[in-house]
Amino acid sequence: MARDYSIAIDISLSMGEPFSDMIPSKLQASKEAVALLAQRVTVGGSRIAITLFHEKPIPLLPLTNDYKVILRALVELDFTGEGSALGDGIVEAVKMLRASRGRDRLVVVLTDGGVTEGIPVKAAVLYAKYTGTPLKIIVLNRRIEENLKTEVETAGHPNLQVVLVETKQKLLSEMLRLI
């Protein structure tokens, strides 16, 4: 069955840095992971929307199953910005799924886990919970900040996963598990 994916990508300055085998950057590895997902799912009619976030959320691409358009959007994504408003990114990604009627849907967040701006992450997770939107947060880091972990866990979202990835291969594997 076709699914709608809304991907929120952290474009804070720290995402522009290398990590583990994610070279030249965590952002580049994230773009490659989204491209892999798009390649696998758009042929079956699934759609992908993309939201970016640093100090504010930026809706980049509405739901589409056009693989070439998704790739073009990812190629053109070559910038980062100050701050990291993870909560705002989650809320915007959920909103991007409003046109998703009668389809499975999922919000996927790619972040290194820093939060410096915006609405509380717990409020954003609650928003996803109350809109019935499953949420998977993939953290590209060696550990999850304790305050982020607490905020996410106390929201009580029944369809929430938080996954820590330390290598590019694990990131790609996590993206393929979404199918």
Protein backbone atom coordinates (compact mmCIF):
# COMPACT_ATOMS: atom_id res chain seq x y z
CA MET A 1 0.00 0.00 0.00
CA ALA A 2 1.24 3.47 -0.84
CA ARG A 3 2.32 5.62 2.08
CA ASP A 4 2.95 9.32 2.52
CA TYR A 5 6.27 10.25 4.14
CA SER A 6 7.02 13.69 5.48
CA ILE A 7 10.74 14.10 6.07
CA ALA A 8 12.07 16.84 8.36
CA ILE A 9 15.77 17.51 7.84
CA ASP A 10 17.87 19.43 10.36
CA ILE A 11 19.98 21.99 8.49
CA SER A 12 21.60 23.56 11.55
CA LEU A 13 25.30 24.41 11.26
CA SER A 14 26.29 21.24 13.13
CA MET A 15 24.65 19.13 10.39
CA GLY A 16 27.19 20.60 7.97
CA GLU A 17 29.98 18.87 9.89
CA PRO A 18 31.35 15.36 9.32
CA PHE A 19 30.54 12.61 11.82
CA SER A 20 31.86 9.06 11.90
CA ASP A 21 31.83 7.90 8.27
CA MET A 22 29.30 10.58 7.26
CA ILE A 23 31.61 12.58 5.01
CA PRO A 24 31.55 15.33 3.97
CA SER A 25 28.69 15.93 6.44
CA LYS A 26 25.70 14.63 8.35
CA LEU A 27 23.53 16.70 6.02
CA GLN A 28 24.97 14.99 2.93
CA ALA A 29 24.40 11.57 4.49
CA SER A 30 20.81 12.59 5.31
CA LYS A 31 20.20 13.69 1.73
CA GLU A 32 21.54 10.37 0.43
CA ALA A 33 19.28 8.48 2.83
CA VAL A 34 16.19 10.40 1.67
CA ALA A 35 17.17 9.81 -1.98
CA LEU A 36 17.44 6.07 -1.30
CA LEU A 37 14.02 6.01 0.34
CA ALA A 38 12.50 7.99 -2.53
CA GLN A 39 14.04 5.67 -5.11
CA ARG A 40 12.48 2.64 -3.41
CA VAL A 41 9.01 3.96 -2.56
CA THR A 42 7.94 6.39 -5.28
CA VAL A 43 7.66 3.62 -7.89
CA GLY A 44 4.85 2.11 -5.80
CA GLY A 45 2.92 5.38 -5.57
CA SER A 46 4.20 6.52 -2.19
CA ARG A 47 4.77 10.25 -1.82
CA ILE A 48 7.40 12.26 -0.02
CA ALA A 49 7.29 15.80 1.39
CA ILE A 50 10.37 17.58 2.73
CA THR A 51 10.63 20.14 5.51
CA LEU A 52 13.87 21.76 6.61
CA PHE A 53 14.57 23.34 9.96
CA HIS A 54 17.23 25.37 11.67
CA GLU A 55 16.06 28.38 13.71
CA LYS A 56 12.68 28.13 11.94
CA PRO A 57 10.95 25.43 9.89
CA ILE A 58 11.02 25.75 6.10
CA PRO A 59 8.52 23.75 4.02
CA LEU A 60 10.59 22.78 0.97
CA LEU A 61 8.65 20.24 -1.05
CA PRO A 62 4.96 19.30 -0.88
CA LEU A 63 3.92 15.66 -1.22
CA THR A 64 5.07 14.21 -4.53
CA ASN A 65 5.89 10.84 -6.01
CA ASP A 66 8.07 12.41 -8.71
CA TYR A 67 11.50 10.96 -7.95
CA LYS A 68 13.31 13.48 -10.16
CA VAL A 69 11.70 16.42 -8.35
CA ILE A 70 12.68 14.94 -4.98
CA LEU A 71 16.27 14.47 -6.15
CA ARG A 72 16.42 18.02 -7.51
CA ALA A 73 15.19 19.41 -4.18
CA LEU A 74 17.86 17.40 -2.35
CA VAL A 75 20.63 18.53 -4.72
CA GLU A 76 19.60 22.16 -4.29
CA LEU A 77 19.73 21.74 -0.50
CA ASP A 78 23.28 22.95 0.03
CA PHE A 79 22.97 25.38 2.91
CA THR A 80 22.77 25.40 6.67
CA GLY A 81 21.65 27.99 9.20
CA GLU A 82 22.01 29.05 12.82
CA GLY A 83 19.99 27.35 15.55
CA SER A 84 17.97 24.14 15.68
CA ALA A 85 14.20 24.24 16.16
CA LEU A 86 13.46 20.51 16.23
CA GLY A 87 9.95 20.96 17.65
CA ASP A 88 9.01 23.41 14.90
CA GLY A 89 10.41 21.01 12.29
CA ILE A 90 8.24 18.18 13.61
CA VAL A 91 5.07 20.31 13.61
CA GLU A 92 5.70 21.57 10.06
CA ALA A 93 6.36 18.01 8.84
CA VAL A 94 3.06 16.86 10.37
CA LYS A 95 1.27 19.76 8.68
CA MET A 96 2.75 18.73 5.32
CA LEU A 97 0.65 15.55 5.59
CA ARG A 98 -2.69 17.37 5.79
CA ALA A 99 -3.44 16.44 2.17
CA SER A 100 -2.85 12.79 3.00
CA ARG A 101 -6.32 11.29 3.15
CA GLY A 102 -6.91 7.57 3.49
CA ARG A 103 -3.21 6.69 3.25
CA ASP A 104 -0.68 5.44 5.73
CA ARG A 105 1.54 8.31 6.77
CA LEU A 106 4.75 8.77 8.66
CA VAL A 107 6.92 11.68 9.76
CA VAL A 108 10.64 10.99 9.77
CA VAL A 109 13.07 13.44 11.37
CA LEU A 110 16.78 13.44 10.56
CA THR A 111 18.73 15.41 13.17
CA ASP A 112 21.88 15.38 15.25
CA GLY A 113 19.68 16.02 18.27
CA GLY A 114 20.58 19.54 19.26
CA VAL A 115 17.70 21.84 20.22
CA THR A 116 18.35 25.56 20.67
CA GLU A 117 15.21 27.26 19.39
CA GLY A 118 11.48 27.00 18.93
CA ILE A 119 8.58 25.26 20.55
CA PRO A 120 9.26 22.48 23.06
CA VAL A 121 9.90 19.11 21.44
CA LYS A 122 7.37 17.53 23.81
CA ALA A 123 4.65 19.85 22.46
CA ALA A 124 5.55 18.85 18.90
CA VAL A 125 5.47 15.14 19.75
CA LEU A 126 2.07 15.66 21.41
CA TYR A 127 0.85 17.39 18.23
CA ALA A 128 1.93 14.36 16.19
CA LYS A 129 0.27 12.08 18.73
CA TYR A 130 -3.07 13.92 18.69
CA THR A 131 -3.15 14.10 14.89
CA GLY A 132 -2.59 10.34 14.78
CA THR A 133 0.71 10.73 12.97
CA PRO A 134 3.41 8.12 13.56
CA LEU A 135 6.81 9.69 14.20
CA LYS A 136 10.34 8.36 13.82
CA ILE A 137 13.25 10.51 14.97
CA ILE A 138 16.63 9.40 13.67
CA VAL A 139 19.45 10.99 15.65
CA LEU A 140 22.85 11.12 13.93
CA ASN A 141 25.00 11.15 17.03
CA ARG A 142 26.73 8.95 19.60
CA ARG A 143 24.18 9.77 22.26
CA ILE A 144 20.82 11.43 22.71
CA GLU A 145 20.75 14.56 24.85
CA GLU A 146 19.08 13.64 28.15
CA ASN A 147 16.60 16.55 28.04
CA LEU A 148 15.54 15.60 24.49
CA LYS A 149 15.07 11.98 25.50
CA THR A 150 12.97 12.99 28.52
CA GLU A 151 10.78 15.37 26.49
CA VAL A 152 10.12 12.76 23.83
CA GLU A 153 9.42 9.91 26.23
CA THR A 154 7.07 11.86 28.50
CA ALA A 155 4.81 12.76 25.57
CA GLY A 156 3.49 9.20 25.55
CA HIS A 157 3.17 8.92 21.76
CA PRO A 158 2.25 5.28 21.06
CA ASN A 159 3.69 5.37 17.53
CA LEU A 160 7.01 7.04 18.26
CA GLN A 161 10.46 5.65 17.65
CA VAL A 162 13.75 7.35 18.47
CA VAL A 163 16.77 5.71 16.87
CA LEU A 164 20.41 6.56 17.39
CA VAL A 165 22.64 6.03 14.34
CA GLU A 166 26.41 6.31 14.40
CA THR A 167 27.27 5.25 10.84
CA LYS A 168 26.06 6.03 7.35
CA GLN A 169 25.25 2.36 6.76
CA LYS A 170 23.02 2.27 9.84
CA LEU A 171 21.29 5.46 8.62
CA LEU A 172 20.61 3.89 5.22
CA SER A 173 19.37 0.70 6.90
CA GLU A 174 16.98 2.69 9.11
CA MET A 175 15.58 4.45 6.03
CA LEU A 176 14.99 1.12 4.30
CA ARG A 177 13.14 -0.17 7.39
CA LEU A 178 10.55 2.55 6.75
CA ILE A 179 9.32 0.77 3.64
